[in-house]
Amino acid sequence: MEAPPLRRKLAAILAADIEGYSRLMHSDEERTLAMLTGHRATVDALIEAADGQIFGTAGDSVLAEFPSVVQAFNCAIAIQLAIDAANQDVDVEHQMRFRIGINVGDVMVKNGDIFGDGVNIAARLESLADAGGICVTRGVRDHMRDRVEATFEDMGEQSVKNIARPVRVFKVVFSDDYEPVLSGSPASVDFVDDTQSASRDHADAEEVAFWEAISEDDDGTEVRLYLERYPNGAFVALANVRLDRESIPQEDPAVEVAFWESVRDSSKASMIEAYLNRYPTGKFAELAKILLAEHDM
């Protein structure tokens, strides 16, 4: 069989993850999963609004490609402002904050995924960023510094894993009243107050498990079932957002892996049942059944 073609292109890459995600999961799995669901809905919507395309998600991480540096940069700021707003009513020890790295460079595209140093550098920059912060390469800084109401703090040359030469890194400094522009209009983050209901403390384990099992069904039928069962539930606003979308993309296989990693060590049988409900023939279905049997002993 002929191998799929390999394409190269210049792209702006945004990599993000959650600072202290393992600590949050260890502290309270149900709360963390609920908050992650709400925050990811916000992040995904902002990436889409900036004409970005998500190429990879695994647990708490997101990798997206944009047609321009300006769109990637403004999307990153919009994400941080939105998540900061969502955290206002959350205790500090439970807040979920993203770190973001942005790079512009050559990438390889194959089988609908992206690879190469351009991607790796963005991921390494993300690990250098503060919680709630953004780090960029010199190329991104040079392109953006006369275009935005933000400043760039030079962090010097940084040696990063698997990259032969040091990378010049800059920390982005921006104010809370910054208005990022996505696709021609200022990014509205007002909807964060709606979707953040996914992180409300009253979302019990049963509801979280039910939502995780049905929240990305193909035609909206199961999302409507959730609304009937939990008319005042913690995920109502997010369910309505999903129903408003004309189509729901096919789920990335990495989502199943990330979901399993989130529930496999759970002491709650309901979380393992949620995996089986969502992936009855999934990669980890047999192991999930074994763990459930152990719960019943």
Protein backbone atom coordinates (compact mmCIF):
# COMPACT_ATOMS: atom_id res chain seq x y z
CA MET A 1 0.00 0.00 0.00
CA GLU A 2 1.31 3.43 -0.93
CA ALA A 3 2.27 5.56 2.06
CA PRO A 4 0.20 8.74 2.61
CA PRO A 5 1.87 11.84 1.13
CA LEU A 6 3.99 14.03 3.38
CA ARG A 7 3.47 17.77 3.05
CA ARG A 8 5.47 20.64 4.47
CA LYS A 9 4.19 24.10 5.26
CA LEU A 10 4.89 27.17 7.37
CA ALA A 11 2.50 27.47 10.28
CA ALA A 12 1.93 29.17 13.62
CA ILE A 13 1.71 26.54 16.35
CA LEU A 14 0.07 26.97 19.75
CA ALA A 15 0.75 24.42 22.49
CA ALA A 16 -1.03 24.56 25.84
CA ASP A 17 -1.32 22.48 28.97
CA ILE A 18 -2.58 22.87 32.53
CA GLU A 19 -0.08 23.68 35.24
CA GLY A 20 -0.30 21.19 38.10
CA TYR A 21 -2.86 18.94 36.41
CA SER A 22 -1.62 15.77 38.11
CA ARG A 23 -1.85 17.48 41.49
CA LEU A 24 -5.42 18.58 40.78
CA MET A 25 -6.40 15.07 39.68
CA HIS A 26 -4.88 13.57 42.81
CA SER A 27 -6.73 16.08 44.99
CA ASP A 28 -10.21 15.68 43.46
CA GLU A 29 -10.71 13.71 40.26
CA GLU A 30 -14.40 14.50 39.77
CA ARG A 31 -13.97 18.24 40.27
CA THR A 32 -10.93 18.31 37.99
CA LEU A 33 -12.66 16.40 35.18
CA ALA A 34 -15.65 18.72 35.40
CA MET A 35 -13.48 21.83 35.28
CA LEU A 36 -11.40 20.43 32.42
CA THR A 37 -14.57 19.81 30.39
CA GLY A 38 -15.71 23.40 30.84
CA HIS A 39 -12.31 24.95 30.18
CA ARG A 40 -11.71 22.82 27.10
CA ALA A 41 -15.05 23.94 25.67
CA THR A 42 -13.88 27.53 26.08
CA VAL A 43 -10.44 26.87 24.60
CA ASP A 44 -11.81 24.91 21.64
CA ALA A 45 -14.35 27.65 20.85
CA LEU A 46 -11.67 30.36 20.89
CA ILE A 47 -9.35 28.31 18.66
CA GLU A 48 -12.19 27.81 16.19
CA ALA A 49 -13.02 31.53 16.28
CA ALA A 50 -9.39 32.31 15.39
CA ASP A 51 -9.49 29.95 12.39
CA GLY A 52 -7.26 27.49 14.21
CA GLN A 53 -7.29 23.73 13.84
CA ILE A 54 -6.75 21.38 16.76
CA PHE A 55 -4.37 18.56 15.86
CA GLY A 56 -3.78 16.91 19.19
CA THR A 57 -5.34 16.58 22.64
CA ALA A 58 -4.09 14.28 25.35
CA GLY A 59 -5.40 14.72 28.86
CA ASP A 60 -4.80 18.35 29.75
CA SER A 61 -2.82 19.35 26.64
CA VAL A 62 -3.88 21.03 23.39
CA LEU A 63 -1.96 21.47 20.13
CA ALA A 64 -3.37 23.76 17.44
CA GLU A 65 -2.20 25.21 14.13
CA PHE A 66 -3.15 28.66 12.77
CA PRO A 67 -2.83 30.25 9.32
CA SER A 68 -1.16 33.34 10.80
CA VAL A 69 0.95 34.35 13.79
CA VAL A 70 -1.48 37.16 14.59
CA GLN A 71 -4.39 34.73 14.98
CA ALA A 72 -2.38 32.33 17.14
CA PHE A 73 -1.14 35.16 19.36
CA ASN A 74 -4.54 36.76 19.87
CA CYS A 75 -6.11 33.35 20.49
CA ALA A 76 -3.55 32.65 23.22
CA ILE A 77 -4.35 35.91 25.01
CA ALA A 78 -8.09 35.32 24.60
CA ILE A 79 -7.67 31.88 26.20
CA GLN A 80 -5.76 33.23 29.18
CA LEU A 81 -8.25 36.06 29.75
CA ALA A 82 -11.19 33.66 29.50
CA ILE A 83 -9.73 31.09 31.87
CA ASP A 84 -8.76 33.83 34.31
CA ALA A 85 -12.38 35.03 34.31
CA ALA A 86 -13.60 31.47 34.89
CA ASN A 87 -11.27 31.16 37.88
CA GLN A 88 -12.62 34.21 39.68
CA ASP A 89 -15.15 32.21 41.71
CA VAL A 90 -12.87 29.21 42.31
CA ASP A 91 -10.67 28.71 45.36
CA VAL A 92 -7.01 29.28 44.54
CA GLU A 93 -6.00 25.69 45.32
CA HIS A 94 -8.60 24.38 42.84
CA GLN A 95 -7.97 26.84 40.01
CA MET A 96 -6.98 25.38 36.66
CA ARG A 97 -4.52 27.60 34.75
CA PHE A 98 -2.99 27.07 31.31
CA ARG A 99 0.58 27.56 30.14
CA ILE A 100 0.92 28.43 26.45
CA GLY A 101 3.79 28.42 23.97
CA ILE A 102 3.69 29.82 20.42
CA ASN A 103 6.14 29.20 17.61
CA VAL A 104 6.16 29.86 13.89
CA GLY A 105 8.07 27.45 11.73
CA ASP A 106 8.17 24.66 9.21
CA VAL A 107 5.97 21.65 9.98
CA MET A 108 5.23 18.32 8.31
CA VAL A 109 1.64 17.19 7.74
CA LYS A 110 0.79 13.50 7.40
CA ASN A 111 -2.41 11.54 8.06
CA GLY A 112 -4.08 14.66 9.39
CA ASP A 113 -1.40 15.27 12.03
CA ILE A 114 1.55 17.66 12.27
CA PHE A 115 5.16 16.95 13.19
CA GLY A 116 8.59 18.54 13.20
CA ASP A 117 10.76 21.00 15.11
CA GLY A 118 8.17 23.74 14.66
CA VAL A 119 5.76 21.71 16.79
CA ASN A 120 8.36 20.54 19.29
CA ILE A 121 9.57 24.07 20.00
CA ALA A 122 6.04 25.29 20.71
CA ALA A 123 5.60 22.44 23.20
CA ARG A 124 8.90 23.25 24.93
CA LEU A 125 7.98 26.94 25.17
CA GLU A 126 4.74 26.01 26.90
CA SER A 127 6.71 24.27 29.64
CA LEU A 128 8.73 27.48 30.20
CA ALA A 129 5.63 29.65 30.64
CA ASP A 130 4.18 30.61 33.99
CA ALA A 131 0.71 29.42 34.97
CA GLY A 132 -1.64 31.75 33.09
CA GLY A 133 1.26 32.94 30.93
CA ILE A 134 2.49 32.81 27.34
CA CYS A 135 6.00 32.30 25.94
CA VAL A 136 6.94 32.91 22.29
CA THR A 137 9.98 32.60 20.05
CA ARG A 138 11.89 35.57 18.67
CA GLY A 139 10.22 35.08 15.30
CA VAL A 140 6.79 35.49 16.88
CA ARG A 141 7.99 38.50 18.91
CA ASP A 142 9.45 40.20 15.85
CA HIS A 143 6.22 39.72 13.93
CA MET A 144 3.94 40.92 16.72
CA ARG A 145 5.70 43.62 18.72
CA ASP A 146 4.47 46.55 16.61
CA ARG A 147 1.01 45.08 16.09
CA VAL A 148 -0.30 44.49 19.62
CA GLU A 149 -0.77 46.26 22.93
CA ALA A 150 1.54 43.85 24.70
CA THR A 151 5.19 43.81 25.68
CA PHE A 152 7.79 41.07 25.46
CA GLU A 153 10.17 40.25 28.28
CA ASP A 154 13.40 38.70 27.02
CA MET A 155 14.15 35.38 28.76
CA GLY A 156 17.35 34.87 26.80
CA GLU A 157 18.60 31.79 25.00
CA GLN A 158 17.01 28.61 26.34
CA SER A 159 18.23 25.06 25.74
CA VAL A 160 15.20 22.87 25.13
CA LYS A 161 14.90 19.10 24.87
CA ASN A 162 15.50 17.49 21.45
CA ILE A 163 16.34 20.83 19.78
CA ALA A 164 19.97 21.16 18.71
CA ARG A 165 20.32 24.94 19.04
CA PRO A 166 19.21 27.21 21.91
CA VAL A 167 15.93 29.04 21.36
CA ARG A 168 15.48 32.74 22.11
CA VAL A 169 12.38 32.97 24.30
CA PHE A 170 10.17 35.92 25.22
CA LYS A 171 7.51 36.15 27.91
CA VAL A 172 4.35 37.99 26.82
CA VAL A 173 3.15 40.70 29.20
CA PHE A 174 -0.42 41.92 28.69
CA SER A 175 -3.09 43.66 30.75
CA ASP A 176 -6.50 42.39 31.81
CA ASP A 177 -8.21 44.93 29.53
CA TYR A 178 -6.44 43.69 26.40
CA GLU A 179 -8.95 43.04 23.58
CA PRO A 180 -7.64 40.28 21.31
CA VAL A 181 -9.06 40.25 17.80
CA LEU A 182 -10.15 36.89 16.38
CA SER A 183 -11.16 36.72 12.71
CA GLY A 184 -11.80 40.44 12.39
CA SER A 185 -13.62 41.18 15.63
CA PRO A 186 -12.66 41.43 19.32
CA ALA A 187 -12.82 38.06 21.03
CA SER A 188 -15.81 37.83 23.31
CA VAL A 189 -15.22 35.80 26.43
CA ASP A 190 -18.62 36.47 27.96
CA PHE A 191 -19.67 32.88 27.26
CA VAL A 192 -17.13 31.72 29.82
CA ASP A 193 -19.61 32.48 32.58
CA ASP A 194 -21.97 30.02 30.91
CA THR A 195 -19.56 27.18 30.21
CA GLN A 196 -17.82 27.50 33.55
CA SER A 197 -20.94 25.98 35.09
CA ALA A 198 -19.18 22.73 34.18
CA SER A 199 -16.85 23.35 37.09
CA ARG A 200 -19.51 24.09 39.70
CA ASP A 201 -18.99 22.28 42.98
CA HIS A 202 -22.50 20.79 42.93
CA ALA A 203 -21.72 18.51 39.98
CA ASP A 204 -21.72 15.15 41.75
CA ALA A 205 -19.83 12.08 40.55
CA GLU A 206 -22.91 10.50 38.97
CA GLU A 207 -23.66 13.55 36.84
CA VAL A 208 -20.01 13.98 35.84
CA ALA A 209 -19.86 10.31 34.80
CA PHE A 210 -23.09 10.64 32.83
CA TRP A 211 -21.85 13.77 31.04
CA GLU A 212 -18.48 12.28 30.22
CA ALA A 213 -20.25 9.26 28.74
CA ILE A 214 -22.54 11.19 26.37
CA SER A 215 -21.23 14.71 25.86
CA GLU A 216 -19.76 14.05 22.40
CA ASP A 217 -22.39 11.83 20.79
CA ASP A 218 -22.80 11.98 17.03
CA ASP A 219 -26.25 13.50 16.59
CA GLY A 220 -27.12 15.25 19.85
CA THR A 221 -29.64 12.62 20.99
CA GLU A 222 -27.72 11.70 24.11
CA VAL A 223 -26.97 15.33 24.93
CA ARG A 224 -30.73 15.97 24.88
CA LEU A 225 -31.13 12.99 27.22
CA TYR A 226 -28.71 14.67 29.62
CA LEU A 227 -30.81 17.87 29.54
CA GLU A 228 -33.95 15.89 30.32
CA ARG A 229 -32.30 14.08 33.22
CA TYR A 230 -30.48 17.12 34.63
CA PRO A 231 -32.52 20.23 33.62
CA ASN A 232 -30.61 22.31 36.17
CA GLY A 233 -27.36 20.40 35.93
CA ALA A 234 -23.81 21.72 35.98
CA PHE A 235 -23.32 21.07 32.25
CA VAL A 236 -26.56 22.56 30.89
CA ALA A 237 -24.92 25.56 29.22
CA LEU A 238 -22.22 23.39 27.69
CA ALA A 239 -24.85 20.90 26.46
CA ASN A 240 -26.72 23.72 24.73
CA VAL A 241 -23.48 24.90 23.10
CA ARG A 242 -22.95 21.42 21.66
CA LEU A 243 -26.52 21.24 20.37
CA ASP A 244 -26.11 24.61 18.66
CA ARG A 245 -23.23 23.30 16.55
CA GLU A 246 -24.30 22.16 13.10
CA SER A 247 -21.95 19.21 13.18
CA ILE A 248 -19.75 17.46 15.69
CA PRO A 249 -16.36 16.24 14.36
CA GLN A 250 -15.19 12.67 14.72
CA GLU A 251 -13.41 12.19 17.99
CA ASP A 252 -9.64 12.08 18.00
CA PRO A 253 -8.42 8.63 19.20
CA ALA A 254 -6.20 10.47 21.68
CA VAL A 255 -9.34 11.59 23.50
CA GLU A 256 -10.10 8.00 24.50
CA VAL A 257 -6.59 7.55 25.81
CA ALA A 258 -6.78 10.80 27.77
CA PHE A 259 -10.18 9.88 29.19
CA TRP A 260 -8.93 6.45 30.27
CA GLU A 261 -5.84 7.96 31.90
CA SER A 262 -8.16 10.23 33.87
CA VAL A 263 -10.34 7.44 35.26
CA ARG A 264 -8.17 4.31 35.48
CA ASP A 265 -6.87 5.07 38.97
CA SER A 266 -10.19 6.37 40.24
CA SER A 267 -11.63 4.89 43.39
CA LYS A 268 -15.10 5.56 41.95
CA ALA A 269 -16.72 2.73 40.03
CA SER A 270 -18.97 5.32 38.36
CA MET A 271 -15.97 6.83 36.56
CA ILE A 272 -14.92 3.46 35.13
CA GLU A 273 -18.54 2.80 34.14
CA ALA A 274 -18.51 6.15 32.34
CA TYR A 275 -15.59 4.96 30.23
CA LEU A 276 -17.38 1.71 29.33
CA ASN A 277 -20.59 3.58 28.47
CA ARG A 278 -18.68 5.85 26.14
CA TYR A 279 -16.31 3.24 24.72
CA PRO A 280 -18.05 -0.16 25.03
CA THR A 281 -15.58 -1.68 22.57
CA GLY A 282 -12.70 0.67 23.34
CA LYS A 283 -9.02 -0.10 23.67
CA PHE A 284 -9.26 -0.41 27.43
CA ALA A 285 -12.73 -2.00 27.71
CA GLU A 286 -11.49 -5.37 28.99
CA LEU A 287 -9.25 -3.76 31.59
CA ALA A 288 -12.11 -1.51 32.68
CA LYS A 289 -14.33 -4.57 33.21
CA ILE A 290 -11.64 -6.17 35.36
CA LEU A 291 -11.34 -3.04 37.50
CA LEU A 292 -15.12 -2.88 37.88
CA ALA A 293 -15.18 -6.50 39.00
CA GLU A 294 -12.57 -5.66 41.64
CA HIS A 295 -14.78 -2.82 42.86
CA ASP A 296 -17.66 -5.27 43.31
CA MET A 297 -15.61 -7.75 45.36
